[in-house]
Amino acid sequence: MPEYDRLEIRRAATLAGLPEAEPVVVWHKPDTGPMSALIWAPELHLIDGQWYLYLRPPPTRRDIDGLLFQHRMYALVCSDADPLTGHWQPVRRVHTPLDSFSLDATHFVHQGKNWYLWAQKDPAIPGNSNLYLAELLNPWTLKGTPQMLTRPEYDWECAGFCVNEGPAVIRHGQTLFVTYSASATDENYCLGMLRH
């Protein structure tokens, strides 16, 4: 939402029908404290028969360094089959080994396992964010040590800012493709692609 304050779900038979579909607010940010500002980039996933919404609010409006963009990753769980009418349980934090700026998480299944793919800043690596991958124990808990897939190192990934973010997974046959965004979010913003 333009106000960055709530999560809505709409259902339509076609993409063209979404603007006219009735929105259902499934979560609203608190007025103060953690998760009270800038609710970014939600993703809705059906994982093992249950609905999950991944969201990325910052812990506070301003962190200890006075910076606003210090997002962390969270998951909402719906306990019913219909995400529009179901009960959404309280938000759960998705913890990673680094407690740093992280966002744009997505989920996919590969070789019968659930995987979590996201962007995160490692303070020991120059740049704004790298891409990481980990198997999931459950949709909000990582299993094992995350692996870094990419970090911004090419000129086209470092125009304005050194960024790898916004991963998306596409399967074609037995091949997995991962697209991701790179560089500053202006005319320099571009897409990269990995293949496995």
N, C-alpha and C. Protein backbone atom coordinates (compact mmCIF):
# COMPACT_ATOMS: atom_id res chain seq x y z
N MET A 1 0.83 -1.18 0.00
CA MET A 1 0.00 0.00 0.00
C MET A 1 0.88 1.24 0.00
N PRO A 2 0.43 2.31 -0.63
CA PRO A 2 1.24 3.54 -0.70
C PRO A 2 1.59 4.11 0.67
N GLU A 3 0.77 3.81 1.68
CA GLU A 3 1.05 4.30 3.04
C GLU A 3 2.05 3.43 3.78
N TYR A 4 2.41 2.26 3.22
CA TYR A 4 3.35 1.33 3.85
C TYR A 4 2.92 0.93 5.26
N ASP A 5 1.60 0.79 5.49
CA ASP A 5 1.12 0.56 6.85
C ASP A 5 0.27 -0.69 7.02
N ARG A 6 0.00 -1.44 5.95
CA ARG A 6 -0.86 -2.61 6.07
C ARG A 6 -0.62 -3.57 4.92
N LEU A 7 -1.14 -4.79 5.09
CA LEU A 7 -1.06 -5.78 4.03
C LEU A 7 -2.47 -6.11 3.58
N GLU A 8 -2.70 -6.00 2.29
CA GLU A 8 -3.99 -6.32 1.70
C GLU A 8 -3.84 -7.49 0.74
N ILE A 9 -4.89 -8.28 0.64
CA ILE A 9 -4.95 -9.34 -0.36
C ILE A 9 -6.18 -9.10 -1.22
N ARG A 10 -6.03 -9.30 -2.52
CA ARG A 10 -7.16 -9.23 -3.45
C ARG A 10 -7.19 -10.52 -4.26
N ARG A 11 -8.39 -10.91 -4.68
CA ARG A 11 -8.52 -12.12 -5.50
C ARG A 11 -9.34 -11.78 -6.74
N ALA A 12 -8.83 -12.21 -7.90
CA ALA A 12 -9.53 -12.01 -9.16
C ALA A 12 -9.20 -13.15 -10.10
N ALA A 13 -10.07 -13.39 -11.07
CA ALA A 13 -9.85 -14.47 -12.04
C ALA A 13 -8.77 -14.11 -13.04
N THR A 14 -8.51 -12.80 -13.21
CA THR A 14 -7.49 -12.34 -14.16
C THR A 14 -6.68 -11.22 -13.53
N LEU A 15 -5.50 -10.95 -14.07
CA LEU A 15 -4.70 -9.81 -13.60
C LEU A 15 -5.45 -8.50 -13.82
N ALA A 16 -6.13 -8.39 -14.96
CA ALA A 16 -6.88 -7.17 -15.26
C ALA A 16 -7.99 -6.92 -14.25
N GLY A 17 -8.47 -7.98 -13.60
CA GLY A 17 -9.55 -7.83 -12.64
C GLY A 17 -9.11 -7.41 -11.25
N LEU A 18 -7.82 -7.42 -10.98
CA LEU A 18 -7.34 -7.08 -9.63
C LEU A 18 -7.68 -5.67 -9.17
N PRO A 19 -7.58 -4.63 -10.03
CA PRO A 19 -7.91 -3.28 -9.53
C PRO A 19 -9.33 -3.14 -9.00
N GLU A 20 -10.27 -3.91 -9.56
CA GLU A 20 -11.66 -3.82 -9.11
C GLU A 20 -11.99 -4.81 -7.99
N ALA A 21 -11.08 -5.72 -7.69
CA ALA A 21 -11.34 -6.72 -6.65
C ALA A 21 -11.38 -6.06 -5.27
N GLU A 22 -12.22 -6.60 -4.41
CA GLU A 22 -12.36 -6.06 -3.05
C GLU A 22 -11.11 -6.37 -2.24
N PRO A 23 -10.41 -5.34 -1.72
CA PRO A 23 -9.23 -5.62 -0.89
C PRO A 23 -9.62 -6.07 0.51
N VAL A 24 -8.85 -7.00 1.05
CA VAL A 24 -9.05 -7.47 2.42
C VAL A 24 -7.76 -7.19 3.18
N VAL A 25 -7.84 -6.38 4.23
CA VAL A 25 -6.67 -6.09 5.06
C VAL A 25 -6.47 -7.27 6.00
N VAL A 26 -5.31 -7.92 5.90
CA VAL A 26 -5.04 -9.08 6.75
C VAL A 26 -4.07 -8.75 7.89
N TRP A 27 -3.42 -7.59 7.81
CA TRP A 27 -2.51 -7.17 8.88
C TRP A 27 -2.31 -5.67 8.79
N HIS A 28 -2.25 -5.02 9.95
CA HIS A 28 -1.99 -3.58 10.02
C HIS A 28 -0.85 -3.37 11.00
N LYS A 29 0.06 -2.48 10.65
CA LYS A 29 1.21 -2.22 11.51
C LYS A 29 0.78 -1.62 12.84
N PRO A 30 1.58 -1.84 13.90
CA PRO A 30 1.31 -1.14 15.16
C PRO A 30 1.65 0.35 15.02
N ASP A 31 1.11 1.15 15.92
CA ASP A 31 1.36 2.59 15.86
C ASP A 31 2.77 2.96 16.28
N THR A 32 3.36 2.18 17.19
CA THR A 32 4.70 2.48 17.68
C THR A 32 5.49 1.19 17.83
N GLY A 33 6.78 1.35 18.05
CA GLY A 33 7.64 0.20 18.33
C GLY A 33 8.05 -0.56 17.09
N PRO A 34 8.51 -1.78 17.28
CA PRO A 34 8.97 -2.59 16.16
C PRO A 34 7.88 -2.76 15.10
N MET A 35 8.28 -2.72 13.85
CA MET A 35 7.39 -2.94 12.71
C MET A 35 6.33 -1.85 12.55
N SER A 36 6.61 -0.63 13.01
CA SER A 36 5.60 0.44 12.96
C SER A 36 5.78 1.39 11.78
N ALA A 37 6.66 1.05 10.84
CA ALA A 37 6.88 1.95 9.69
C ALA A 37 7.36 1.16 8.49
N LEU A 38 7.12 1.72 7.32
CA LEU A 38 7.69 1.23 6.06
C LEU A 38 7.55 -0.28 5.83
N ILE A 39 6.33 -0.75 5.79
CA ILE A 39 6.08 -2.16 5.52
C ILE A 39 6.30 -2.38 4.02
N TRP A 40 7.35 -3.12 3.68
CA TRP A 40 7.81 -3.26 2.30
C TRP A 40 7.61 -4.64 1.74
N ALA A 41 7.45 -4.69 0.44
CA ALA A 41 7.64 -5.87 -0.42
C ALA A 41 7.04 -7.16 0.12
N PRO A 42 5.74 -7.20 0.40
CA PRO A 42 5.17 -8.46 0.86
C PRO A 42 5.09 -9.49 -0.26
N GLU A 43 5.18 -10.76 0.12
CA GLU A 43 5.00 -11.86 -0.82
C GLU A 43 4.11 -12.91 -0.17
N LEU A 44 3.11 -13.38 -0.92
CA LEU A 44 2.18 -14.40 -0.45
C LEU A 44 2.60 -15.75 -1.03
N HIS A 45 2.72 -16.76 -0.17
CA HIS A 45 3.14 -18.10 -0.61
C HIS A 45 2.26 -19.15 0.04
N LEU A 46 1.95 -20.20 -0.72
CA LEU A 46 1.29 -21.38 -0.20
C LEU A 46 2.39 -22.44 -0.01
N ILE A 47 2.68 -22.75 1.24
CA ILE A 47 3.78 -23.67 1.57
C ILE A 47 3.21 -24.84 2.36
N ASP A 48 3.33 -26.02 1.80
CA ASP A 48 2.84 -27.24 2.46
C ASP A 48 1.40 -27.09 2.93
N GLY A 49 0.56 -26.49 2.09
CA GLY A 49 -0.86 -26.38 2.37
C GLY A 49 -1.28 -25.24 3.27
N GLN A 50 -0.35 -24.37 3.68
CA GLN A 50 -0.68 -23.23 4.53
C GLN A 50 -0.20 -21.95 3.88
N TRP A 51 -0.94 -20.86 4.11
CA TRP A 51 -0.60 -19.57 3.53
C TRP A 51 0.37 -18.81 4.43
N TYR A 52 1.35 -18.16 3.79
CA TYR A 52 2.32 -17.34 4.50
C TYR A 52 2.49 -16.03 3.75
N LEU A 53 2.62 -14.96 4.51
CA LEU A 53 2.96 -13.65 3.95
C LEU A 53 4.31 -13.25 4.51
N TYR A 54 5.28 -13.05 3.62
CA TYR A 54 6.58 -12.53 4.05
C TYR A 54 6.53 -11.01 3.94
N LEU A 55 7.00 -10.32 4.98
CA LEU A 55 7.02 -8.87 5.00
C LEU A 55 8.36 -8.39 5.54
N ARG A 56 8.67 -7.10 5.29
CA ARG A 56 9.99 -6.56 5.64
C ARG A 56 9.90 -5.17 6.27
N PRO A 57 9.43 -5.05 7.50
CA PRO A 57 9.46 -3.75 8.16
C PRO A 57 10.81 -3.52 8.85
N PRO A 58 11.17 -2.26 9.08
CA PRO A 58 12.34 -2.00 9.93
C PRO A 58 11.96 -2.19 11.40
N PRO A 59 12.94 -2.42 12.27
CA PRO A 59 12.62 -2.63 13.68
C PRO A 59 12.02 -1.39 14.35
N THR A 60 12.42 -0.21 13.92
CA THR A 60 11.87 1.04 14.45
C THR A 60 11.88 2.07 13.33
N ARG A 61 11.31 3.24 13.60
CA ARG A 61 11.35 4.31 12.60
C ARG A 61 12.78 4.78 12.37
N ARG A 62 13.58 4.79 13.40
CA ARG A 62 14.99 5.18 13.30
C ARG A 62 15.81 4.20 14.12
N ASP A 63 16.87 3.69 13.52
CA ASP A 63 17.70 2.78 14.32
C ASP A 63 18.75 3.58 15.08
N ILE A 64 19.66 2.91 15.74
CA ILE A 64 20.62 3.61 16.60
C ILE A 64 21.56 4.52 15.83
N ASP A 65 21.73 4.26 14.53
CA ASP A 65 22.59 5.13 13.73
C ASP A 65 21.80 6.23 13.03
N GLY A 66 20.50 6.34 13.32
CA GLY A 66 19.68 7.37 12.69
C GLY A 66 19.24 7.01 11.29
N LEU A 67 19.44 5.77 10.88
CA LEU A 67 19.07 5.35 9.53
C LEU A 67 17.67 4.76 9.52
N LEU A 68 16.93 5.05 8.45
CA LEU A 68 15.56 4.56 8.35
C LEU A 68 15.49 3.19 7.71
N PHE A 69 16.33 2.92 6.73
CA PHE A 69 16.19 1.68 5.97
C PHE A 69 17.01 0.55 6.60
N GLN A 70 16.48 0.00 7.67
CA GLN A 70 17.12 -1.10 8.39
C GLN A 70 16.15 -2.27 8.51
N HIS A 71 15.54 -2.64 7.40
CA HIS A 71 14.50 -3.65 7.39
C HIS A 71 14.99 -5.01 7.88
N ARG A 72 14.06 -5.78 8.44
CA ARG A 72 14.29 -7.16 8.82
C ARG A 72 13.15 -7.98 8.22
N MET A 73 13.28 -9.30 8.27
CA MET A 73 12.31 -10.17 7.61
C MET A 73 11.40 -10.86 8.63
N TYR A 74 10.12 -10.94 8.28
CA TYR A 74 9.11 -11.53 9.13
C TYR A 74 8.16 -12.38 8.29
N ALA A 75 7.40 -13.24 8.98
CA ALA A 75 6.39 -14.06 8.31
C ALA A 75 5.09 -14.02 9.10
N LEU A 76 4.00 -13.91 8.37
CA LEU A 76 2.66 -14.07 8.92
C LEU A 76 2.14 -15.42 8.46
N VAL A 77 1.38 -16.10 9.31
CA VAL A 77 0.86 -17.43 9.00
C VAL A 77 -0.66 -17.40 9.08
N CYS A 78 -1.33 -17.95 8.06
CA CYS A 78 -2.79 -18.06 8.08
C CYS A 78 -3.16 -19.48 8.48
N SER A 79 -4.02 -19.60 9.46
CA SER A 79 -4.36 -20.92 9.98
C SER A 79 -5.55 -21.55 9.25
N ASP A 80 -6.06 -20.90 8.21
CA ASP A 80 -7.21 -21.40 7.47
C ASP A 80 -6.88 -21.56 5.99
N ALA A 81 -7.72 -22.29 5.27
CA ALA A 81 -7.47 -22.57 3.87
C ALA A 81 -7.63 -21.34 2.98
N ASP A 82 -8.49 -20.40 3.38
CA ASP A 82 -8.74 -19.21 2.57
C ASP A 82 -8.02 -18.01 3.19
N PRO A 83 -7.00 -17.47 2.52
CA PRO A 83 -6.27 -16.34 3.12
C PRO A 83 -7.09 -15.06 3.23
N LEU A 84 -8.19 -14.96 2.50
CA LEU A 84 -9.02 -13.76 2.58
C LEU A 84 -9.93 -13.76 3.80
N THR A 85 -10.33 -14.92 4.26
CA THR A 85 -11.24 -14.99 5.40
C THR A 85 -10.59 -15.64 6.61
N GLY A 86 -9.40 -16.19 6.45
CA GLY A 86 -8.74 -16.92 7.52
C GLY A 86 -8.16 -16.03 8.59
N HIS A 87 -7.81 -16.66 9.70
CA HIS A 87 -7.18 -15.97 10.82
C HIS A 87 -5.67 -15.93 10.60
N TRP A 88 -5.09 -14.74 10.61
CA TRP A 88 -3.64 -14.58 10.46
C TRP A 88 -3.02 -14.48 11.84
N GLN A 89 -2.10 -15.37 12.13
CA GLN A 89 -1.45 -15.43 13.44
C GLN A 89 -0.42 -14.31 13.57
N PRO A 90 0.04 -14.04 14.79
CA PRO A 90 1.01 -12.96 15.00
C PRO A 90 2.27 -13.14 14.15
N VAL A 91 2.91 -12.04 13.88
CA VAL A 91 4.12 -12.01 13.05
C VAL A 91 5.24 -12.78 13.74
N ARG A 92 6.01 -13.52 12.93
CA ARG A 92 7.19 -14.24 13.43
C ARG A 92 8.41 -13.71 12.72
N ARG A 93 9.45 -13.44 13.45
CA ARG A 93 10.72 -12.96 12.88
C ARG A 93 11.46 -14.11 12.20
N VAL A 94 12.00 -13.84 11.04
CA VAL A 94 12.87 -14.80 10.36
C VAL A 94 14.30 -14.39 10.70
N HIS A 95 14.95 -15.15 11.56
CA HIS A 95 16.30 -14.82 12.02
C HIS A 95 17.35 -15.39 11.06
N THR A 96 18.37 -14.61 10.82
CA THR A 96 19.53 -15.05 10.04
C THR A 96 20.77 -14.88 10.90
N PRO A 97 21.90 -15.48 10.53
CA PRO A 97 23.10 -15.33 11.34
C PRO A 97 23.55 -13.88 11.50
N LEU A 98 23.26 -13.03 10.52
CA LEU A 98 23.59 -11.61 10.61
C LEU A 98 22.35 -10.84 11.02
N ASP A 99 22.46 -9.96 12.01
CA ASP A 99 21.34 -9.08 12.36
C ASP A 99 21.57 -7.75 11.65
N SER A 100 21.18 -7.72 10.38
CA SER A 100 21.46 -6.55 9.55
C SER A 100 20.33 -6.36 8.55
N PHE A 101 20.37 -5.25 7.83
CA PHE A 101 19.40 -4.94 6.78
C PHE A 101 19.15 -6.16 5.91
N SER A 102 17.88 -6.57 5.82
CA SER A 102 17.53 -7.75 5.02
C SER A 102 16.10 -7.58 4.50
N LEU A 103 15.88 -8.07 3.29
CA LEU A 103 14.57 -7.89 2.67
C LEU A 103 14.41 -8.78 1.46
N ASP A 104 13.24 -8.66 0.82
CA ASP A 104 12.95 -9.30 -0.47
C ASP A 104 13.01 -10.81 -0.43
N ALA A 105 12.64 -11.41 0.69
CA ALA A 105 12.67 -12.87 0.78
C ALA A 105 11.62 -13.50 -0.11
N THR A 106 11.97 -14.64 -0.67
CA THR A 106 11.02 -15.43 -1.44
C THR A 106 11.21 -16.90 -1.10
N HIS A 107 10.25 -17.71 -1.49
CA HIS A 107 10.26 -19.14 -1.20
C HIS A 107 10.14 -19.91 -2.50
N PHE A 108 10.78 -21.07 -2.57
CA PHE A 108 10.57 -21.98 -3.68
C PHE A 108 10.87 -23.40 -3.22
N VAL A 109 10.39 -24.37 -3.99
CA VAL A 109 10.63 -25.78 -3.70
C VAL A 109 11.57 -26.32 -4.76
N HIS A 110 12.60 -27.04 -4.32
CA HIS A 110 13.54 -27.68 -5.23
C HIS A 110 13.99 -29.00 -4.63
N GLN A 111 13.92 -30.06 -5.41
CA GLN A 111 14.29 -31.41 -4.97
C GLN A 111 13.57 -31.81 -3.69
N GLY A 112 12.29 -31.42 -3.63
CA GLY A 112 11.43 -31.78 -2.50
C GLY A 112 11.68 -31.02 -1.22
N LYS A 113 12.51 -29.98 -1.27
CA LYS A 113 12.83 -29.19 -0.08
C LYS A 113 12.35 -27.75 -0.25
N ASN A 114 12.00 -27.13 0.88
CA ASN A 114 11.62 -25.72 0.88
C ASN A 114 12.87 -24.86 1.06
N TRP A 115 12.98 -23.84 0.21
CA TRP A 115 14.15 -22.95 0.22
C TRP A 115 13.72 -21.50 0.42
N TYR A 116 14.59 -20.73 1.06
CA TYR A 116 14.37 -19.31 1.35
C TYR A 116 15.52 -18.55 0.70
N LEU A 117 15.19 -17.55 -0.08
CA LEU A 117 16.17 -16.75 -0.83
C LEU A 117 15.91 -15.29 -0.54
N TRP A 118 16.95 -14.52 -0.17
CA TRP A 118 16.74 -13.14 0.25
C TRP A 118 17.98 -12.29 0.00
N ALA A 119 17.81 -10.98 0.21
CA ALA A 119 18.91 -10.02 0.11
C ALA A 119 19.24 -9.53 1.52
N GLN A 120 20.56 -9.38 1.79
CA GLN A 120 20.98 -8.94 3.11
C GLN A 120 22.35 -8.27 3.04
N LYS A 121 22.53 -7.28 3.91
CA LYS A 121 23.83 -6.61 4.01
C LYS A 121 24.72 -7.37 4.99
N ASP A 122 25.94 -7.62 4.56
CA ASP A 122 26.97 -8.15 5.45
C ASP A 122 27.92 -6.99 5.73
N PRO A 123 28.00 -6.50 6.97
CA PRO A 123 28.85 -5.34 7.26
C PRO A 123 30.32 -5.56 6.89
N ALA A 124 30.74 -6.82 6.76
CA ALA A 124 32.14 -7.09 6.42
C ALA A 124 32.39 -7.05 4.91
N ILE A 125 31.34 -6.91 4.12
CA ILE A 125 31.48 -6.89 2.66
C ILE A 125 31.04 -5.53 2.14
N PRO A 126 31.86 -4.84 1.37
CA PRO A 126 31.44 -3.54 0.82
C PRO A 126 30.18 -3.71 -0.03
N GLY A 127 29.27 -2.74 0.09
CA GLY A 127 28.04 -2.77 -0.69
C GLY A 127 26.82 -2.77 0.21
N ASN A 128 25.66 -2.74 -0.44
CA ASN A 128 24.40 -2.62 0.29
C ASN A 128 23.73 -3.95 0.60
N SER A 129 23.76 -4.91 -0.35
CA SER A 129 23.13 -6.20 -0.08
C SER A 129 23.62 -7.26 -1.05
N ASN A 130 23.66 -8.49 -0.54
CA ASN A 130 24.04 -9.68 -1.29
C ASN A 130 22.83 -10.62 -1.30
N LEU A 131 22.87 -11.67 -2.11
CA LEU A 131 21.81 -12.67 -2.11
C LEU A 131 22.25 -13.91 -1.35
N TYR A 132 21.35 -14.42 -0.50
CA TYR A 132 21.63 -15.59 0.32
C TYR A 132 20.53 -16.64 0.13
N LEU A 133 20.91 -17.90 0.34
CA LEU A 133 20.00 -19.03 0.17
C LEU A 133 20.16 -19.96 1.36
N ALA A 134 19.01 -20.46 1.87
CA ALA A 134 19.05 -21.46 2.95
C ALA A 134 17.83 -22.37 2.84
N GLU A 135 18.03 -23.61 3.21
CA GLU A 135 16.88 -24.50 3.32
C GLU A 135 16.07 -24.07 4.55
N LEU A 136 14.77 -24.33 4.50
CA LEU A 136 13.89 -23.97 5.60
C LEU A 136 13.57 -25.18 6.47
N LEU A 137 13.65 -24.98 7.79
CA LEU A 137 13.15 -25.97 8.74
C LEU A 137 11.62 -25.88 8.78
N ASN A 138 11.12 -24.64 8.83
CA ASN A 138 9.71 -24.32 8.64
C ASN A 138 9.70 -22.95 7.96
N PRO A 139 8.57 -22.43 7.53
CA PRO A 139 8.58 -21.21 6.71
C PRO A 139 9.15 -19.95 7.37
N TRP A 140 9.44 -19.97 8.67
CA TRP A 140 10.05 -18.81 9.32
C TRP A 140 11.37 -19.16 10.03
N THR A 141 11.89 -20.37 9.83
CA THR A 141 13.12 -20.79 10.49
C THR A 141 14.08 -21.41 9.47
N LEU A 142 15.29 -20.85 9.40
CA LEU A 142 16.30 -21.38 8.49
C LEU A 142 16.88 -22.67 9.05
N LYS A 143 17.27 -23.57 8.14
CA LYS A 143 17.91 -24.83 8.52
C LYS A 143 19.34 -24.79 7.99
N GLY A 144 20.29 -24.92 8.86
CA GLY A 144 21.68 -24.91 8.42
C GLY A 144 22.22 -23.50 8.19
N THR A 145 23.41 -23.45 7.63
CA THR A 145 24.10 -22.18 7.39
C THR A 145 23.74 -21.63 6.01
N PRO A 146 23.29 -20.38 5.94
CA PRO A 146 22.98 -19.79 4.63
C PRO A 146 24.23 -19.72 3.74
N GLN A 147 24.01 -19.83 2.45
CA GLN A 147 25.08 -19.70 1.46
C GLN A 147 24.88 -18.41 0.68
N MET A 148 25.94 -17.64 0.51
CA MET A 148 25.84 -16.45 -0.32
C MET A 148 25.88 -16.87 -1.79
N LEU A 149 24.85 -16.47 -2.55
CA LEU A 149 24.81 -16.78 -3.98
C LEU A 149 25.54 -15.74 -4.81
N THR A 150 25.27 -14.48 -4.50
CA THR A 150 25.91 -13.39 -5.26
C THR A 150 26.20 -12.22 -4.33
N ARG A 151 27.14 -11.42 -4.77
CA ARG A 151 27.36 -10.11 -4.16
C ARG A 151 27.66 -9.17 -5.31
N PRO A 152 27.33 -7.90 -5.18
CA PRO A 152 27.56 -6.96 -6.28
C PRO A 152 29.05 -6.74 -6.49
N GLU A 153 29.53 -7.15 -7.66
CA GLU A 153 30.95 -7.01 -7.96
C GLU A 153 31.21 -6.51 -9.38
N TYR A 154 30.21 -6.60 -10.25
CA TYR A 154 30.38 -6.12 -11.62
C TYR A 154 29.93 -4.67 -11.73
N ASP A 155 30.44 -3.96 -12.71
CA ASP A 155 30.09 -2.55 -12.89
C ASP A 155 28.58 -2.35 -12.97
N TRP A 156 27.87 -3.24 -13.70
CA TRP A 156 26.42 -3.07 -13.87
C TRP A 156 25.65 -3.34 -12.58
N GLU A 157 26.28 -3.94 -11.57
CA GLU A 157 25.65 -4.16 -10.27
C GLU A 157 25.99 -3.06 -9.26
N CYS A 158 26.88 -2.16 -9.64
CA CYS A 158 27.41 -1.17 -8.69
C CYS A 158 27.25 0.27 -9.19
N ALA A 159 26.30 0.50 -10.07
CA ALA A 159 26.05 1.87 -10.56
C ALA A 159 25.22 2.62 -9.52
N GLY A 160 25.79 3.61 -8.89
CA GLY A 160 25.10 4.36 -7.84
C GLY A 160 25.24 3.70 -6.48
N PHE A 161 24.81 2.47 -6.36
CA PHE A 161 24.95 1.67 -5.15
C PHE A 161 25.32 0.25 -5.55
N CYS A 162 26.05 -0.43 -4.68
CA CYS A 162 26.37 -1.84 -4.92
C CYS A 162 25.26 -2.69 -4.31
N VAL A 163 24.38 -3.21 -5.16
CA VAL A 163 23.17 -3.87 -4.70
C VAL A 163 22.89 -5.13 -5.50
N ASN A 164 22.55 -6.21 -4.79
CA ASN A 164 21.86 -7.38 -5.34
C ASN A 164 20.64 -7.56 -4.45
N GLU A 165 19.44 -7.51 -5.02
CA GLU A 165 18.22 -7.61 -4.22
C GLU A 165 17.07 -8.12 -5.09
N GLY A 166 15.90 -8.26 -4.49
CA GLY A 166 14.69 -8.62 -5.23
C GLY A 166 14.75 -9.92 -5.99
N PRO A 167 15.26 -11.02 -5.39
CA PRO A 167 15.34 -12.26 -6.15
C PRO A 167 13.96 -12.86 -6.44
N ALA A 168 13.86 -13.50 -7.59
CA ALA A 168 12.66 -14.25 -7.98
C ALA A 168 13.10 -15.53 -8.65
N VAL A 169 12.37 -16.61 -8.41
CA VAL A 169 12.75 -17.93 -8.92
C VAL A 169 11.75 -18.38 -9.98
N ILE A 170 12.27 -18.84 -11.10
CA ILE A 170 11.46 -19.39 -12.18
C ILE A 170 12.02 -20.76 -12.53
N ARG A 171 11.13 -21.76 -12.64
CA ARG A 171 11.55 -23.10 -13.03
C ARG A 171 11.12 -23.35 -14.46
N HIS A 172 12.02 -23.91 -15.26
CA HIS A 172 11.70 -24.34 -16.62
C HIS A 172 12.28 -25.74 -16.79
N GLY A 173 11.40 -26.74 -16.78
CA GLY A 173 11.89 -28.12 -16.80
C GLY A 173 12.68 -28.41 -15.55
N GLN A 174 13.92 -28.86 -15.71
CA GLN A 174 14.78 -29.15 -14.58
C GLN A 174 15.72 -27.99 -14.24
N THR A 175 15.56 -26.87 -14.93
CA THR A 175 16.45 -25.73 -14.72
C THR A 175 15.78 -24.68 -13.84
N LEU A 176 16.54 -24.18 -12.86
CA LEU A 176 16.09 -23.07 -12.02
C LEU A 176 16.76 -21.80 -12.50
N PHE A 177 15.98 -20.75 -12.65
CA PHE A 177 16.50 -19.44 -12.96
C PHE A 177 16.21 -18.52 -11.78
N VAL A 178 17.17 -17.72 -11.39
CA VAL A 178 16.98 -16.71 -10.36
C VAL A 178 17.27 -15.36 -10.99
N THR A 179 16.27 -14.50 -11.03
CA THR A 179 16.50 -13.13 -11.46
C THR A 179 16.65 -12.27 -10.21
N TYR A 180 17.38 -11.17 -10.35
CA TYR A 180 17.55 -10.26 -9.22
C TYR A 180 17.82 -8.86 -9.74
N SER A 181 17.58 -7.88 -8.89
CA SER A 181 17.82 -6.48 -9.24
C SER A 181 19.19 -6.06 -8.76
N ALA A 182 19.77 -5.08 -9.47
CA ALA A 182 21.11 -4.62 -9.13
C ALA A 182 21.23 -3.11 -9.37
N SER A 183 22.16 -2.50 -8.65
CA SER A 183 22.48 -1.06 -8.74
C SER A 183 21.41 -0.19 -8.09
N ALA A 184 21.60 1.12 -8.21
CA ALA A 184 20.71 2.09 -7.58
C ALA A 184 19.33 2.04 -8.22
N THR A 185 18.30 2.35 -7.42
CA THR A 185 16.92 2.28 -7.90
C THR A 185 16.54 3.55 -8.66
N ASP A 186 17.29 3.85 -9.69
CA ASP A 186 16.99 4.96 -10.61
C ASP A 186 17.19 4.43 -12.02
N GLU A 187 17.66 5.26 -12.94
CA GLU A 187 17.87 4.78 -14.31
C GLU A 187 18.95 3.70 -14.40
N ASN A 188 19.73 3.51 -13.33
CA ASN A 188 20.77 2.47 -13.32
C ASN A 188 20.25 1.09 -12.93
N TYR A 189 19.06 1.03 -12.35
CA TYR A 189 18.51 -0.24 -11.87
C TYR A 189 18.41 -1.23 -13.03
N CYS A 190 18.85 -2.46 -12.80
CA CYS A 190 18.84 -3.45 -13.87
C CYS A 190 18.64 -4.84 -13.28
N LEU A 191 18.53 -5.84 -14.16
CA LEU A 191 18.30 -7.22 -13.74
C LEU A 191 19.47 -8.11 -14.09
N GLY A 192 19.78 -9.02 -13.17
CA GLY A 192 20.75 -10.07 -13.42
C GLY A 192 20.02 -11.41 -13.39
N MET A 193 20.67 -12.46 -13.88
CA MET A 193 20.05 -13.77 -13.86
C MET A 193 21.09 -14.85 -13.58
N LEU A 194 20.73 -15.79 -12.71
CA LEU A 194 21.53 -16.97 -12.41
C LEU A 194 20.79 -18.19 -12.94
N ARG A 195 21.52 -19.24 -13.22
CA ARG A 195 20.89 -20.48 -13.72
C ARG A 195 21.52 -21.67 -13.02
N HIS A 196 20.66 -22.62 -12.64
CA HIS A 196 21.14 -23.87 -12.03
C HIS A 196 20.42 -25.05 -12.66
